[in-house]
All heavy atoms as atom14 arrays in JSON, in Angstrom:
{
  "sequence": "RLAPEDFSLRVAQAQSTLVQARARLGLPAEGPDVLVDPSTTSPVRQAQ",
  "atom14_mask": [
    [1, 1, 1, 1, 1, 1, 1, 1, 1, 1, 1, 0, 0, 0],
    [1, 1, 1, 1, 1, 1, 1, 1, 0, 0, 0, 0, 0, 0],
    [1, 1, 1, 1, 1, 0, 0, 0, 0, 0, 0, 0, 0, 0],
    [1, 1, 1, 1, 1, 1, 1, 0, 0, 0, 0, 0, 0, 0],
    [1, 1, 1, 1, 1, 1, 1, 1, 1, 0, 0, 0, 0, 0],
    [1, 1, 1, 1, 1, 1, 1, 1, 0, 0, 0, 0, 0, 0],
    [1, 1, 1, 1, 1, 1, 1, 1, 1, 1, 1, 0, 0, 0],
    [1, 1, 1, 1, 1, 1, 0, 0, 0, 0, 0, 0, 0, 0],
    [1, 1, 1, 1, 1, 1, 1, 1, 0, 0, 0, 0, 0, 0],
    [1, 1, 1, 1, 1, 1, 1, 1, 1, 1, 1, 0, 0, 0],
    [1, 1, 1, 1, 1, 1, 1, 0, 0, 0, 0, 0, 0, 0],
    [1, 1, 1, 1, 1, 0, 0, 0, 0, 0, 0, 0, 0, 0],
    [1, 1, 1, 1, 1, 1, 1, 1, 1, 0, 0, 0, 0, 0],
    [1, 1, 1, 1, 1, 0, 0, 0, 0, 0, 0, 0, 0, 0],
    [1, 1, 1, 1, 1, 1, 1, 1, 1, 0, 0, 0, 0, 0],
    [1, 1, 1, 1, 1, 1, 0, 0, 0, 0, 0, 0, 0, 0],
    [1, 1, 1, 1, 1, 1, 1, 0, 0, 0, 0, 0, 0, 0],
    [1, 1, 1, 1, 1, 1, 1, 1, 0, 0, 0, 0, 0, 0],
    [1, 1, 1, 1, 1, 1, 1, 0, 0, 0, 0, 0, 0, 0],
    [1, 1, 1, 1, 1, 1, 1, 1, 1, 0, 0, 0, 0, 0],
    [1, 1, 1, 1, 1, 0, 0, 0, 0, 0, 0, 0, 0, 0],
    [1, 1, 1, 1, 1, 1, 1, 1, 1, 1, 1, 0, 0, 0],
    [1, 1, 1, 1, 1, 0, 0, 0, 0, 0, 0, 0, 0, 0],
    [1, 1, 1, 1, 1, 1, 1, 1, 1, 1, 1, 0, 0, 0],
    [1, 1, 1, 1, 1, 1, 1, 1, 0, 0, 0, 0, 0, 0],
    [1, 1, 1, 1, 0, 0, 0, 0, 0, 0, 0, 0, 0, 0],
    [1, 1, 1, 1, 1, 1, 1, 1, 0, 0, 0, 0, 0, 0],
    [1, 1, 1, 1, 1, 1, 1, 0, 0, 0, 0, 0, 0, 0],
    [1, 1, 1, 1, 1, 0, 0, 0, 0, 0, 0, 0, 0, 0],
    [1, 1, 1, 1, 1, 1, 1, 1, 1, 0, 0, 0, 0, 0],
    [1, 1, 1, 1, 0, 0, 0, 0, 0, 0, 0, 0, 0, 0],
    [1, 1, 1, 1, 1, 1, 1, 0, 0, 0, 0, 0, 0, 0],
    [1, 1, 1, 1, 1, 1, 1, 1, 0, 0, 0, 0, 0, 0],
    [1, 1, 1, 1, 1, 1, 1, 0, 0, 0, 0, 0, 0, 0],
    [1, 1, 1, 1, 1, 1, 1, 1, 0, 0, 0, 0, 0, 0],
    [1, 1, 1, 1, 1, 1, 1, 0, 0, 0, 0, 0, 0, 0],
    [1, 1, 1, 1, 1, 1, 1, 1, 0, 0, 0, 0, 0, 0],
    [1, 1, 1, 1, 1, 1, 1, 0, 0, 0, 0, 0, 0, 0],
    [1, 1, 1, 1, 1, 1, 0, 0, 0, 0, 0, 0, 0, 0],
    [1, 1, 1, 1, 1, 1, 1, 0, 0, 0, 0, 0, 0, 0],
    [1, 1, 1, 1, 1, 1, 1, 0, 0, 0, 0, 0, 0, 0],
    [1, 1, 1, 1, 1, 1, 0, 0, 0, 0, 0, 0, 0, 0],
    [1, 1, 1, 1, 1, 1, 1, 0, 0, 0, 0, 0, 0, 0],
    [1, 1, 1, 1, 1, 1, 1, 0, 0, 0, 0, 0, 0, 0],
    [1, 1, 1, 1, 1, 1, 1, 1, 1, 1, 1, 0, 0, 0],
    [1, 1, 1, 1, 1, 1, 1, 1, 1, 0, 0, 0, 0, 0],
    [1, 1, 1, 1, 1, 0, 0, 0, 0, 0, 0, 0, 0, 0],
    [1, 1, 1, 1, 1, 1, 1, 1, 1, 0, 0, 0, 0, 0]
  ],
  "atom14_positions": [
    [[17.06, 19.94, -154.59], [16.16, 19.51, -153.5], [14.72, 19.68, -153.94], [14.37, 20.65, -154.63], [16.38, 20.34, -152.24], [17.75, 20.22, -151.6], [17.77, 21.02, -150.29], [19.07, 21.01, -149.65], [20.02, 21.91, -149.88], [19.8, 22.89, -150.74], [21.17, 21.85, -149.25], [0.0, 0.0, 0.0], [0.0, 0.0, 0.0], [0.0, 0.0, 0.0]],
    [[13.86, 18.75, -153.49], [12.42, 18.91, -153.61], [11.88, 19.53, -152.32], [12.52, 19.44, -151.27], [11.74, 17.57, -153.86], [12.11, 16.83, -155.16], [11.36, 15.51, -155.23], [11.81, 17.69, -156.38], [0.0, 0.0, 0.0], [0.0, 0.0, 0.0], [0.0, 0.0, 0.0], [0.0, 0.0, 0.0], [0.0, 0.0, 0.0], [0.0, 0.0, 0.0]],
    [[10.71, 20.15, -152.41], [10.08, 20.7, -151.2], [9.88, 19.58, -150.19], [9.24, 18.57, -150.5], [8.76, 21.36, -151.57], [0.0, 0.0, 0.0], [0.0, 0.0, 0.0], [0.0, 0.0, 0.0], [0.0, 0.0, 0.0], [0.0, 0.0, 0.0], [0.0, 0.0, 0.0], [0.0, 0.0, 0.0], [0.0, 0.0, 0.0], [0.0, 0.0, 0.0]],
    [[10.38, 19.71, -148.95], [10.41, 18.57, -148.03], [9.15, 18.4, -147.18], [9.05, 17.41, -146.45], [11.61, 18.92, -147.14], [11.6, 20.42, -147.09], [11.11, 20.88, -148.43], [0.0, 0.0, 0.0], [0.0, 0.0, 0.0], [0.0, 0.0, 0.0], [0.0, 0.0, 0.0], [0.0, 0.0, 0.0], [0.0, 0.0, 0.0], [0.0, 0.0, 0.0]],
    [[8.16, 19.33, -147.24], [7.05, 19.28, -146.28], [6.28, 17.96, -146.35], [6.05, 17.32, -145.31], [6.09, 20.46, -146.53], [6.67, 21.83, -146.21], [7.56, 22.36, -147.3], [7.62, 21.72, -148.39], [8.21, 23.39, -147.09], [0.0, 0.0, 0.0], [0.0, 0.0, 0.0], [0.0, 0.0, 0.0], [0.0, 0.0, 0.0], [0.0, 0.0, 0.0]],
    [[5.87, 17.54, -147.54], [5.09, 16.31, -147.66], [5.86, 15.1, -147.14], [5.29, 14.23, -146.47], [4.68, 16.09, -149.12], [3.68, 17.13, -149.6], [3.11, 17.83, -148.74], [3.49, 17.24, -150.82], [0.0, 0.0, 0.0], [0.0, 0.0, 0.0], [0.0, 0.0, 0.0], [0.0, 0.0, 0.0], [0.0, 0.0, 0.0], [0.0, 0.0, 0.0]],
    [[7.13, 15.05, -147.45], [7.94, 13.9, -147.04], [8.14, 13.88, -145.52], [8.13, 12.82, -144.9], [9.28, 13.92, -147.77], [9.14, 13.97, -149.27], [9.34, 15.14, -149.96], [8.8, 12.83, -149.99], [9.21, 15.19, -151.34], [8.67, 12.86, -151.36], [8.86, 14.06, -152.04], [0.0, 0.0, 0.0], [0.0, 0.0, 0.0], [0.0, 0.0, 0.0]],
    [[8.29, 15.06, -144.92], [8.45, 15.13, -143.46], [7.18, 14.68, -142.75], [7.23, 14.0, -141.71], [8.82, 16.55, -143.04], [10.05, 16.95, -143.63], [0.0, 0.0, 0.0], [0.0, 0.0, 0.0], [0.0, 0.0, 0.0], [0.0, 0.0, 0.0], [0.0, 0.0, 0.0], [0.0, 0.0, 0.0], [0.0, 0.0, 0.0], [0.0, 0.0, 0.0]],
    [[6.01, 15.06, -143.31], [4.75, 14.64, -142.7], [4.57, 13.12, -142.78], [4.05, 12.49, -141.84], [3.59, 15.35, -143.39], [3.45, 16.85, -143.11], [2.35, 17.45, -143.98], [3.17, 17.1, -141.64], [0.0, 0.0, 0.0], [0.0, 0.0, 0.0], [0.0, 0.0, 0.0], [0.0, 0.0, 0.0], [0.0, 0.0, 0.0], [0.0, 0.0, 0.0]],
    [[4.98, 12.54, -143.87], [4.88, 11.08, -144.0], [5.77, 10.38, -142.99], [5.41, 9.33, -142.42], [5.25, 10.65, -145.41], [4.24, 11.07, -146.47], [4.77, 10.81, -147.85], [3.92, 11.45, -148.86], [4.29, 11.65, -150.12], [5.49, 11.25, -150.52], [3.47, 12.23, -150.97], [0.0, 0.0, 0.0], [0.0, 0.0, 0.0], [0.0, 0.0, 0.0]],
    [[6.92, 10.94, -142.72], [7.81, 10.36, -141.71], [7.16, 10.44, -140.33], [7.18, 9.47, -139.55], [9.18, 11.09, -141.72], [10.02, 10.65, -140.53], [9.92, 10.81, -143.01], [0.0, 0.0, 0.0], [0.0, 0.0, 0.0], [0.0, 0.0, 0.0], [0.0, 0.0, 0.0], [0.0, 0.0, 0.0], [0.0, 0.0, 0.0], [0.0, 0.0, 0.0]],
    [[6.58, 11.59, -140.01], [5.93, 11.74, -138.71], [4.75, 10.77, -138.56], [4.54, 10.18, -137.48], [5.45, 13.18, -138.53], [0.0, 0.0, 0.0], [0.0, 0.0, 0.0], [0.0, 0.0, 0.0], [0.0, 0.0, 0.0], [0.0, 0.0, 0.0], [0.0, 0.0, 0.0], [0.0, 0.0, 0.0], [0.0, 0.0, 0.0], [0.0, 0.0, 0.0]],
    [[3.97, 10.62, -139.63], [2.84, 9.7, -139.58], [3.31, 8.27, -139.36], [2.75, 7.53, -138.53], [2.05, 9.8, -140.88], [0.81, 8.93, -140.93], [0.09, 9.04, -142.26], [0.71, 9.33, -143.28], [-1.21, 8.8, -142.26], [0.0, 0.0, 0.0], [0.0, 0.0, 0.0], [0.0, 0.0, 0.0], [0.0, 0.0, 0.0], [0.0, 0.0, 0.0]],
    [[4.33, 7.86, -140.09], [4.86, 6.5, -139.93], [5.45, 6.29, -138.56], [5.35, 5.19, -137.97], [5.91, 6.23, -141.01], [0.0, 0.0, 0.0], [0.0, 0.0, 0.0], [0.0, 0.0, 0.0], [0.0, 0.0, 0.0], [0.0, 0.0, 0.0], [0.0, 0.0, 0.0], [0.0, 0.0, 0.0], [0.0, 0.0, 0.0], [0.0, 0.0, 0.0]],
    [[6.05, 7.34, -137.99], [6.62, 7.24, -136.65], [5.52, 7.0, -135.61], [5.66, 6.19, -134.69], [7.39, 8.51, -136.32], [8.09, 8.5, -134.96], [9.26, 7.54, -134.92], [10.11, 7.56, -135.82], [9.32, 6.7, -133.9], [0.0, 0.0, 0.0], [0.0, 0.0, 0.0], [0.0, 0.0, 0.0], [0.0, 0.0, 0.0], [0.0, 0.0, 0.0]],
    [[4.39, 7.68, -135.76], [3.28, 7.52, -134.81], [2.69, 6.11, -134.86], [2.43, 5.5, -133.81], [2.18, 8.55, -135.13], [2.65, 9.86, -134.98], [0.0, 0.0, 0.0], [0.0, 0.0, 0.0], [0.0, 0.0, 0.0], [0.0, 0.0, 0.0], [0.0, 0.0, 0.0], [0.0, 0.0, 0.0], [0.0, 0.0, 0.0], [0.0, 0.0, 0.0]],
    [[2.47, 5.6, -136.06], [1.91, 4.25, -136.17], [2.89, 3.21, -135.63], [2.47, 2.18, -135.08], [1.56, 3.95, -137.63], [2.71, 4.12, -138.46], [0.45, 4.85, -138.13], [0.0, 0.0, 0.0], [0.0, 0.0, 0.0], [0.0, 0.0, 0.0], [0.0, 0.0, 0.0], [0.0, 0.0, 0.0], [0.0, 0.0, 0.0], [0.0, 0.0, 0.0]],
    [[4.15, 3.46, -135.75], [5.14, 2.53, -135.2], [5.07, 2.52, -133.68], [5.15, 1.45, -133.05], [6.54, 2.91, -135.67], [7.7, 2.08, -135.09], [7.58, 0.62, -135.54], [9.06, 2.65, -135.5], [0.0, 0.0, 0.0], [0.0, 0.0, 0.0], [0.0, 0.0, 0.0], [0.0, 0.0, 0.0], [0.0, 0.0, 0.0], [0.0, 0.0, 0.0]],
    [[4.94, 3.7, -133.07], [4.84, 3.77, -131.61], [3.61, 3.01, -131.13], [3.66, 2.28, -130.12], [4.79, 5.25, -131.17], [4.46, 5.34, -129.67], [6.13, 5.92, -131.44], [0.0, 0.0, 0.0], [0.0, 0.0, 0.0], [0.0, 0.0, 0.0], [0.0, 0.0, 0.0], [0.0, 0.0, 0.0], [0.0, 0.0, 0.0], [0.0, 0.0, 0.0]],
    [[2.49, 3.12, -131.86], [1.29, 2.39, -131.49], [1.52, 0.88, -131.58], [1.09, 0.12, -130.69], [0.14, 2.79, -132.42], [-0.33, 4.23, -132.25], [-1.39, 4.6, -133.27], [-1.79, 3.79, -134.1], [-1.83, 5.85, -133.21], [0.0, 0.0, 0.0], [0.0, 0.0, 0.0], [0.0, 0.0, 0.0], [0.0, 0.0, 0.0], [0.0, 0.0, 0.0]],
    [[2.17, 0.44, -132.62], [2.43, -0.99, -132.78], [3.33, -1.52, -131.69], [3.14, -2.64, -131.18], [3.04, -1.26, -134.16], [0.0, 0.0, 0.0], [0.0, 0.0, 0.0], [0.0, 0.0, 0.0], [0.0, 0.0, 0.0], [0.0, 0.0, 0.0], [0.0, 0.0, 0.0], [0.0, 0.0, 0.0], [0.0, 0.0, 0.0], [0.0, 0.0, 0.0]],
    [[4.29, -0.73, -131.26], [5.18, -1.16, -130.17], [4.41, -1.23, -128.85], [4.63, -2.15, -128.05], [6.38, -0.19, -130.06], [7.33, -0.27, -131.23], [8.45, 0.8, -131.09], [9.23, 0.57, -129.88], [10.27, -0.26, -129.8], [10.64, -0.95, -130.86], [10.93, -0.4, -128.67], [0.0, 0.0, 0.0], [0.0, 0.0, 0.0], [0.0, 0.0, 0.0]],
    [[3.53, -0.27, -128.66], [2.77, -0.25, -127.41], [1.87, -1.47, -127.3], [1.67, -2.02, -126.2], [1.95, 1.03, -127.32], [0.0, 0.0, 0.0], [0.0, 0.0, 0.0], [0.0, 0.0, 0.0], [0.0, 0.0, 0.0], [0.0, 0.0, 0.0], [0.0, 0.0, 0.0], [0.0, 0.0, 0.0], [0.0, 0.0, 0.0], [0.0, 0.0, 0.0]],
    [[1.3, -1.93, -128.38], [0.39, -3.09, -128.35], [1.15, -4.38, -128.05], [0.54, -5.38, -127.7], [-0.33, -3.2, -129.68], [-1.22, -2.01, -129.98], [-2.08, -2.26, -131.18], [-3.1, -3.28, -130.87], [-3.98, -3.72, -131.76], [-3.95, -3.22, -133.0], [-4.87, -4.64, -131.42], [0.0, 0.0, 0.0], [0.0, 0.0, 0.0], [0.0, 0.0, 0.0]],
    [[2.48, -4.32, -128.19], [3.3, -5.48, -127.84], [3.98, -5.3, -126.48], [4.81, -6.12, -126.07], [4.36, -5.72, -128.91], [3.87, -6.41, -130.19], [4.97, -6.4, -131.26], [3.43, -7.85, -129.89], [0.0, 0.0, 0.0], [0.0, 0.0, 0.0], [0.0, 0.0, 0.0], [0.0, 0.0, 0.0], [0.0, 0.0, 0.0], [0.0, 0.0, 0.0]],
    [[3.66, -4.17, -125.84], [4.25, -3.92, -124.53], [5.68, -3.41, -124.6], [6.42, -3.53, -123.61], [0.0, 0.0, 0.0], [0.0, 0.0, 0.0], [0.0, 0.0, 0.0], [0.0, 0.0, 0.0], [0.0, 0.0, 0.0], [0.0, 0.0, 0.0], [0.0, 0.0, 0.0], [0.0, 0.0, 0.0], [0.0, 0.0, 0.0], [0.0, 0.0, 0.0]],
    [[6.05, -2.82, -125.73], [7.41, -2.28, -125.89], [7.39, -0.78, -125.68], [6.38, -0.1, -125.95], [7.95, -2.6, -127.29], [8.14, -4.08, -127.63], [8.56, -4.23, -129.09], [9.19, -4.7, -126.72], [0.0, 0.0, 0.0], [0.0, 0.0, 0.0], [0.0, 0.0, 0.0], [0.0, 0.0, 0.0], [0.0, 0.0, 0.0], [0.0, 0.0, 0.0]],
    [[8.51, -0.2, -125.22], [8.57, 1.27, -125.06], [8.54, 1.95, -126.43], [8.74, 1.33, -127.47], [9.91, 1.49, -124.35], [10.73, 0.28, -124.69], [9.76, -0.86, -124.8], [0.0, 0.0, 0.0], [0.0, 0.0, 0.0], [0.0, 0.0, 0.0], [0.0, 0.0, 0.0], [0.0, 0.0, 0.0], [0.0, 0.0, 0.0], [0.0, 0.0, 0.0]],
    [[8.3, 3.26, -126.43], [8.17, 4.02, -127.69], [9.46, 3.99, -128.49], [9.42, 3.96, -129.74], [7.75, 5.46, -127.39], [0.0, 0.0, 0.0], [0.0, 0.0, 0.0], [0.0, 0.0, 0.0], [0.0, 0.0, 0.0], [0.0, 0.0, 0.0], [0.0, 0.0, 0.0], [0.0, 0.0, 0.0], [0.0, 0.0, 0.0], [0.0, 0.0, 0.0]],
    [[10.59, 4.01, -127.84], [11.88, 3.99, -128.51], [12.63, 2.72, -128.16], [12.49, 2.19, -127.06], [12.73, 5.21, -128.11], [12.11, 6.55, -128.44], [12.04, 6.8, -129.93], [12.84, 6.18, -130.66], [11.19, 7.61, -130.37], [0.0, 0.0, 0.0], [0.0, 0.0, 0.0], [0.0, 0.0, 0.0], [0.0, 0.0, 0.0], [0.0, 0.0, 0.0]],
    [[13.42, 2.25, -129.11], [14.22, 1.06, -128.87], [14.18, 0.12, -130.05], [13.46, 0.36, -131.04], [0.0, 0.0, 0.0], [0.0, 0.0, 0.0], [0.0, 0.0, 0.0], [0.0, 0.0, 0.0], [0.0, 0.0, 0.0], [0.0, 0.0, 0.0], [0.0, 0.0, 0.0], [0.0, 0.0, 0.0], [0.0, 0.0, 0.0], [0.0, 0.0, 0.0]],
    [[14.94, -0.95, -129.97], [14.99, -1.9, -131.08], [13.7, -2.71, -131.16], [13.01, -2.91, -130.16], [16.19, -2.79, -130.74], [16.28, -2.72, -129.25], [15.86, -1.33, -128.87], [0.0, 0.0, 0.0], [0.0, 0.0, 0.0], [0.0, 0.0, 0.0], [0.0, 0.0, 0.0], [0.0, 0.0, 0.0], [0.0, 0.0, 0.0], [0.0, 0.0, 0.0]],
    [[13.39, -3.14, -132.36], [12.19, -3.96, -132.57], [12.54, -5.43, -132.33], [12.8, -6.21, -133.25], [11.66, -3.77, -134.0], [11.2, -2.35, -134.25], [10.89, -1.65, -133.27], [11.18, -1.93, -135.42], [0.0, 0.0, 0.0], [0.0, 0.0, 0.0], [0.0, 0.0, 0.0], [0.0, 0.0, 0.0], [0.0, 0.0, 0.0], [0.0, 0.0, 0.0]],
    [[12.54, -5.83, -131.05], [12.9, -7.19, -130.69], [11.72, -8.12, -130.97], [10.56, -7.7, -131.04], [13.32, -7.28, -129.22], [14.56, -6.46, -128.97], [12.16, -6.83, -128.31], [0.0, 0.0, 0.0], [0.0, 0.0, 0.0], [0.0, 0.0, 0.0], [0.0, 0.0, 0.0], [0.0, 0.0, 0.0], [0.0, 0.0, 0.0], [0.0, 0.0, 0.0]],
    [[12.02, -9.4, -131.11], [10.98, -10.4, -131.28], [10.4, -10.73, -129.91], [11.09, -11.22, -129.02], [11.57, -11.66, -131.94], [10.57, -12.76, -132.28], [9.54, -12.28, -133.3], [11.3, -13.99, -132.81], [0.0, 0.0, 0.0], [0.0, 0.0, 0.0], [0.0, 0.0, 0.0], [0.0, 0.0, 0.0], [0.0, 0.0, 0.0], [0.0, 0.0, 0.0]],
    [[9.1, -10.44, -129.75], [8.45, -10.57, -128.44], [7.86, -11.97, -128.31], [7.2, -12.47, -129.23], [7.36, -9.51, -128.28], [6.64, -9.68, -126.95], [7.96, -8.11, -128.4], [0.0, 0.0, 0.0], [0.0, 0.0, 0.0], [0.0, 0.0, 0.0], [0.0, 0.0, 0.0], [0.0, 0.0, 0.0], [0.0, 0.0, 0.0], [0.0, 0.0, 0.0]],
    [[8.08, -12.62, -127.11], [7.46, -13.91, -126.82], [5.96, -13.67, -126.58], [5.59, -12.88, -125.69], [8.1, -14.52, -125.58], [7.56, -15.92, -125.27], [6.67, -16.4, -126.01], [8.02, -16.51, -124.28], [0.0, 0.0, 0.0], [0.0, 0.0, 0.0], [0.0, 0.0, 0.0], [0.0, 0.0, 0.0], [0.0, 0.0, 0.0], [0.0, 0.0, 0.0]],
    [[5.07, -14.31, -127.35], [3.63, -14.04, -127.18], [3.13, -14.27, -125.76], [2.2, -13.58, -125.31], [2.98, -15.02, -128.16], [4.03, -15.27, -129.19], [5.33, -15.23, -128.45], [0.0, 0.0, 0.0], [0.0, 0.0, 0.0], [0.0, 0.0, 0.0], [0.0, 0.0, 0.0], [0.0, 0.0, 0.0], [0.0, 0.0, 0.0], [0.0, 0.0, 0.0]],
    [[3.73, -15.21, -125.03], [3.24, -15.52, -123.68], [3.5, -14.39, -122.7], [2.94, -14.38, -121.6], [3.9, -16.8, -123.16], [5.31, -16.64, -123.06], [0.0, 0.0, 0.0], [0.0, 0.0, 0.0], [0.0, 0.0, 0.0], [0.0, 0.0, 0.0], [0.0, 0.0, 0.0], [0.0, 0.0, 0.0], [0.0, 0.0, 0.0], [0.0, 0.0, 0.0]],
    [[4.35, -13.42, -123.08], [4.65, -12.3, -122.19], [3.73, -11.12, -122.41], [3.79, -10.15, -121.65], [6.11, -11.87, -122.36], [6.3, -11.4, -123.71], [7.07, -13.01, -122.09], [0.0, 0.0, 0.0], [0.0, 0.0, 0.0], [0.0, 0.0, 0.0], [0.0, 0.0, 0.0], [0.0, 0.0, 0.0], [0.0, 0.0, 0.0], [0.0, 0.0, 0.0]],
    [[2.91, -11.18, -123.44], [2.02, -10.05, -123.7], [0.8, -10.12, -122.79], [0.36, -11.21, -122.35], [1.57, -10.06, -125.17], [0.83, -11.25, -125.44], [2.77, -9.97, -126.1], [0.0, 0.0, 0.0], [0.0, 0.0, 0.0], [0.0, 0.0, 0.0], [0.0, 0.0, 0.0], [0.0, 0.0, 0.0], [0.0, 0.0, 0.0], [0.0, 0.0, 0.0]],
    [[0.25, -8.95, -122.48], [-0.89, -8.89, -121.54], [-2.13, -9.62, -122.04], [-2.81, -10.31, -121.23], [-1.23, -7.42, -121.22], [-1.51, -6.71, -122.41], [0.0, 0.0, 0.0], [0.0, 0.0, 0.0], [0.0, 0.0, 0.0], [0.0, 0.0, 0.0], [0.0, 0.0, 0.0], [0.0, 0.0, 0.0], [0.0, 0.0, 0.0], [0.0, 0.0, 0.0]],
    [[-2.53, -9.53, -123.33], [-3.71, -10.31, -123.75], [-3.53, -11.81, -123.57], [-4.47, -12.51, -123.18], [-3.86, -9.92, -125.23], [-3.21, -8.59, -125.36], [-2.04, -8.65, -124.41], [0.0, 0.0, 0.0], [0.0, 0.0, 0.0], [0.0, 0.0, 0.0], [0.0, 0.0, 0.0], [0.0, 0.0, 0.0], [0.0, 0.0, 0.0], [0.0, 0.0, 0.0]],
    [[-2.34, -12.3, -123.83], [-2.1, -13.73, -123.72], [-2.1, -14.14, -122.25], [-2.66, -15.19, -121.88], [-0.78, -14.13, -124.4], [-0.44, -15.6, -124.14], [-0.86, -13.88, -125.9], [0.0, 0.0, 0.0], [0.0, 0.0, 0.0], [0.0, 0.0, 0.0], [0.0, 0.0, 0.0], [0.0, 0.0, 0.0], [0.0, 0.0, 0.0], [0.0, 0.0, 0.0]],
    [[-1.52, -13.32, -121.4], [-1.51, -13.64, -119.97], [-2.93, -13.65, -119.41], [-3.3, -14.5, -118.59], [-0.64, -12.64, -119.21], [0.86, -12.75, -119.5], [1.7, -12.11, -118.39], [1.28, -10.74, -118.13], [1.79, -9.67, -118.73], [2.75, -9.83, -119.66], [1.37, -8.47, -118.41], [0.0, 0.0, 0.0], [0.0, 0.0, 0.0], [0.0, 0.0, 0.0]],
    [[-3.74, -12.7, -119.87], [-5.13, -12.65, -119.41], [-5.91, -13.88, -119.89], [-6.65, -14.52, -119.11], [-5.8, -11.38, -119.93], [-7.24, -11.24, -119.47], [-7.87, -9.96, -120.03], [-7.22, -9.21, -120.75], [-9.13, -9.72, -119.68], [0.0, 0.0, 0.0], [0.0, 0.0, 0.0], [0.0, 0.0, 0.0], [0.0, 0.0, 0.0], [0.0, 0.0, 0.0]],
    [[-5.69, -14.24, -121.18], [-6.39, -15.41, -121.73], [-5.92, -16.68, -121.04], [-6.7, -17.62, -120.8], [-6.17, -15.48, -123.23], [0.0, 0.0, 0.0], [0.0, 0.0, 0.0], [0.0, 0.0, 0.0], [0.0, 0.0, 0.0], [0.0, 0.0, 0.0], [0.0, 0.0, 0.0], [0.0, 0.0, 0.0], [0.0, 0.0, 0.0], [0.0, 0.0, 0.0]],
    [[-4.65, -16.71, -120.7], [-4.12, -17.91, -120.02], [-4.72, -18.04, -118.62], [-5.03, -19.16, -118.15], [-2.59, -17.8, -119.94], [-1.93, -19.06, -119.4], [-0.41, -18.94, -119.43], [0.14, -17.85, -119.61], [0.26, -20.07, -119.26], [0.0, 0.0, 0.0], [0.0, 0.0, 0.0], [0.0, 0.0, 0.0], [0.0, 0.0, 0.0], [0.0, 0.0, 0.0]]
  ]
}
């Protein structure tokens, strides 16, 4: 085994950025990465 600290931190960092990306599409923090219809997102609805 290699020392796991650095690798665990990278996983946590990647997990946080993923949650942010899901939130910007209006998706919950957990769940499958479904293909979102752009017309259902809040920026598109506002622009429309």
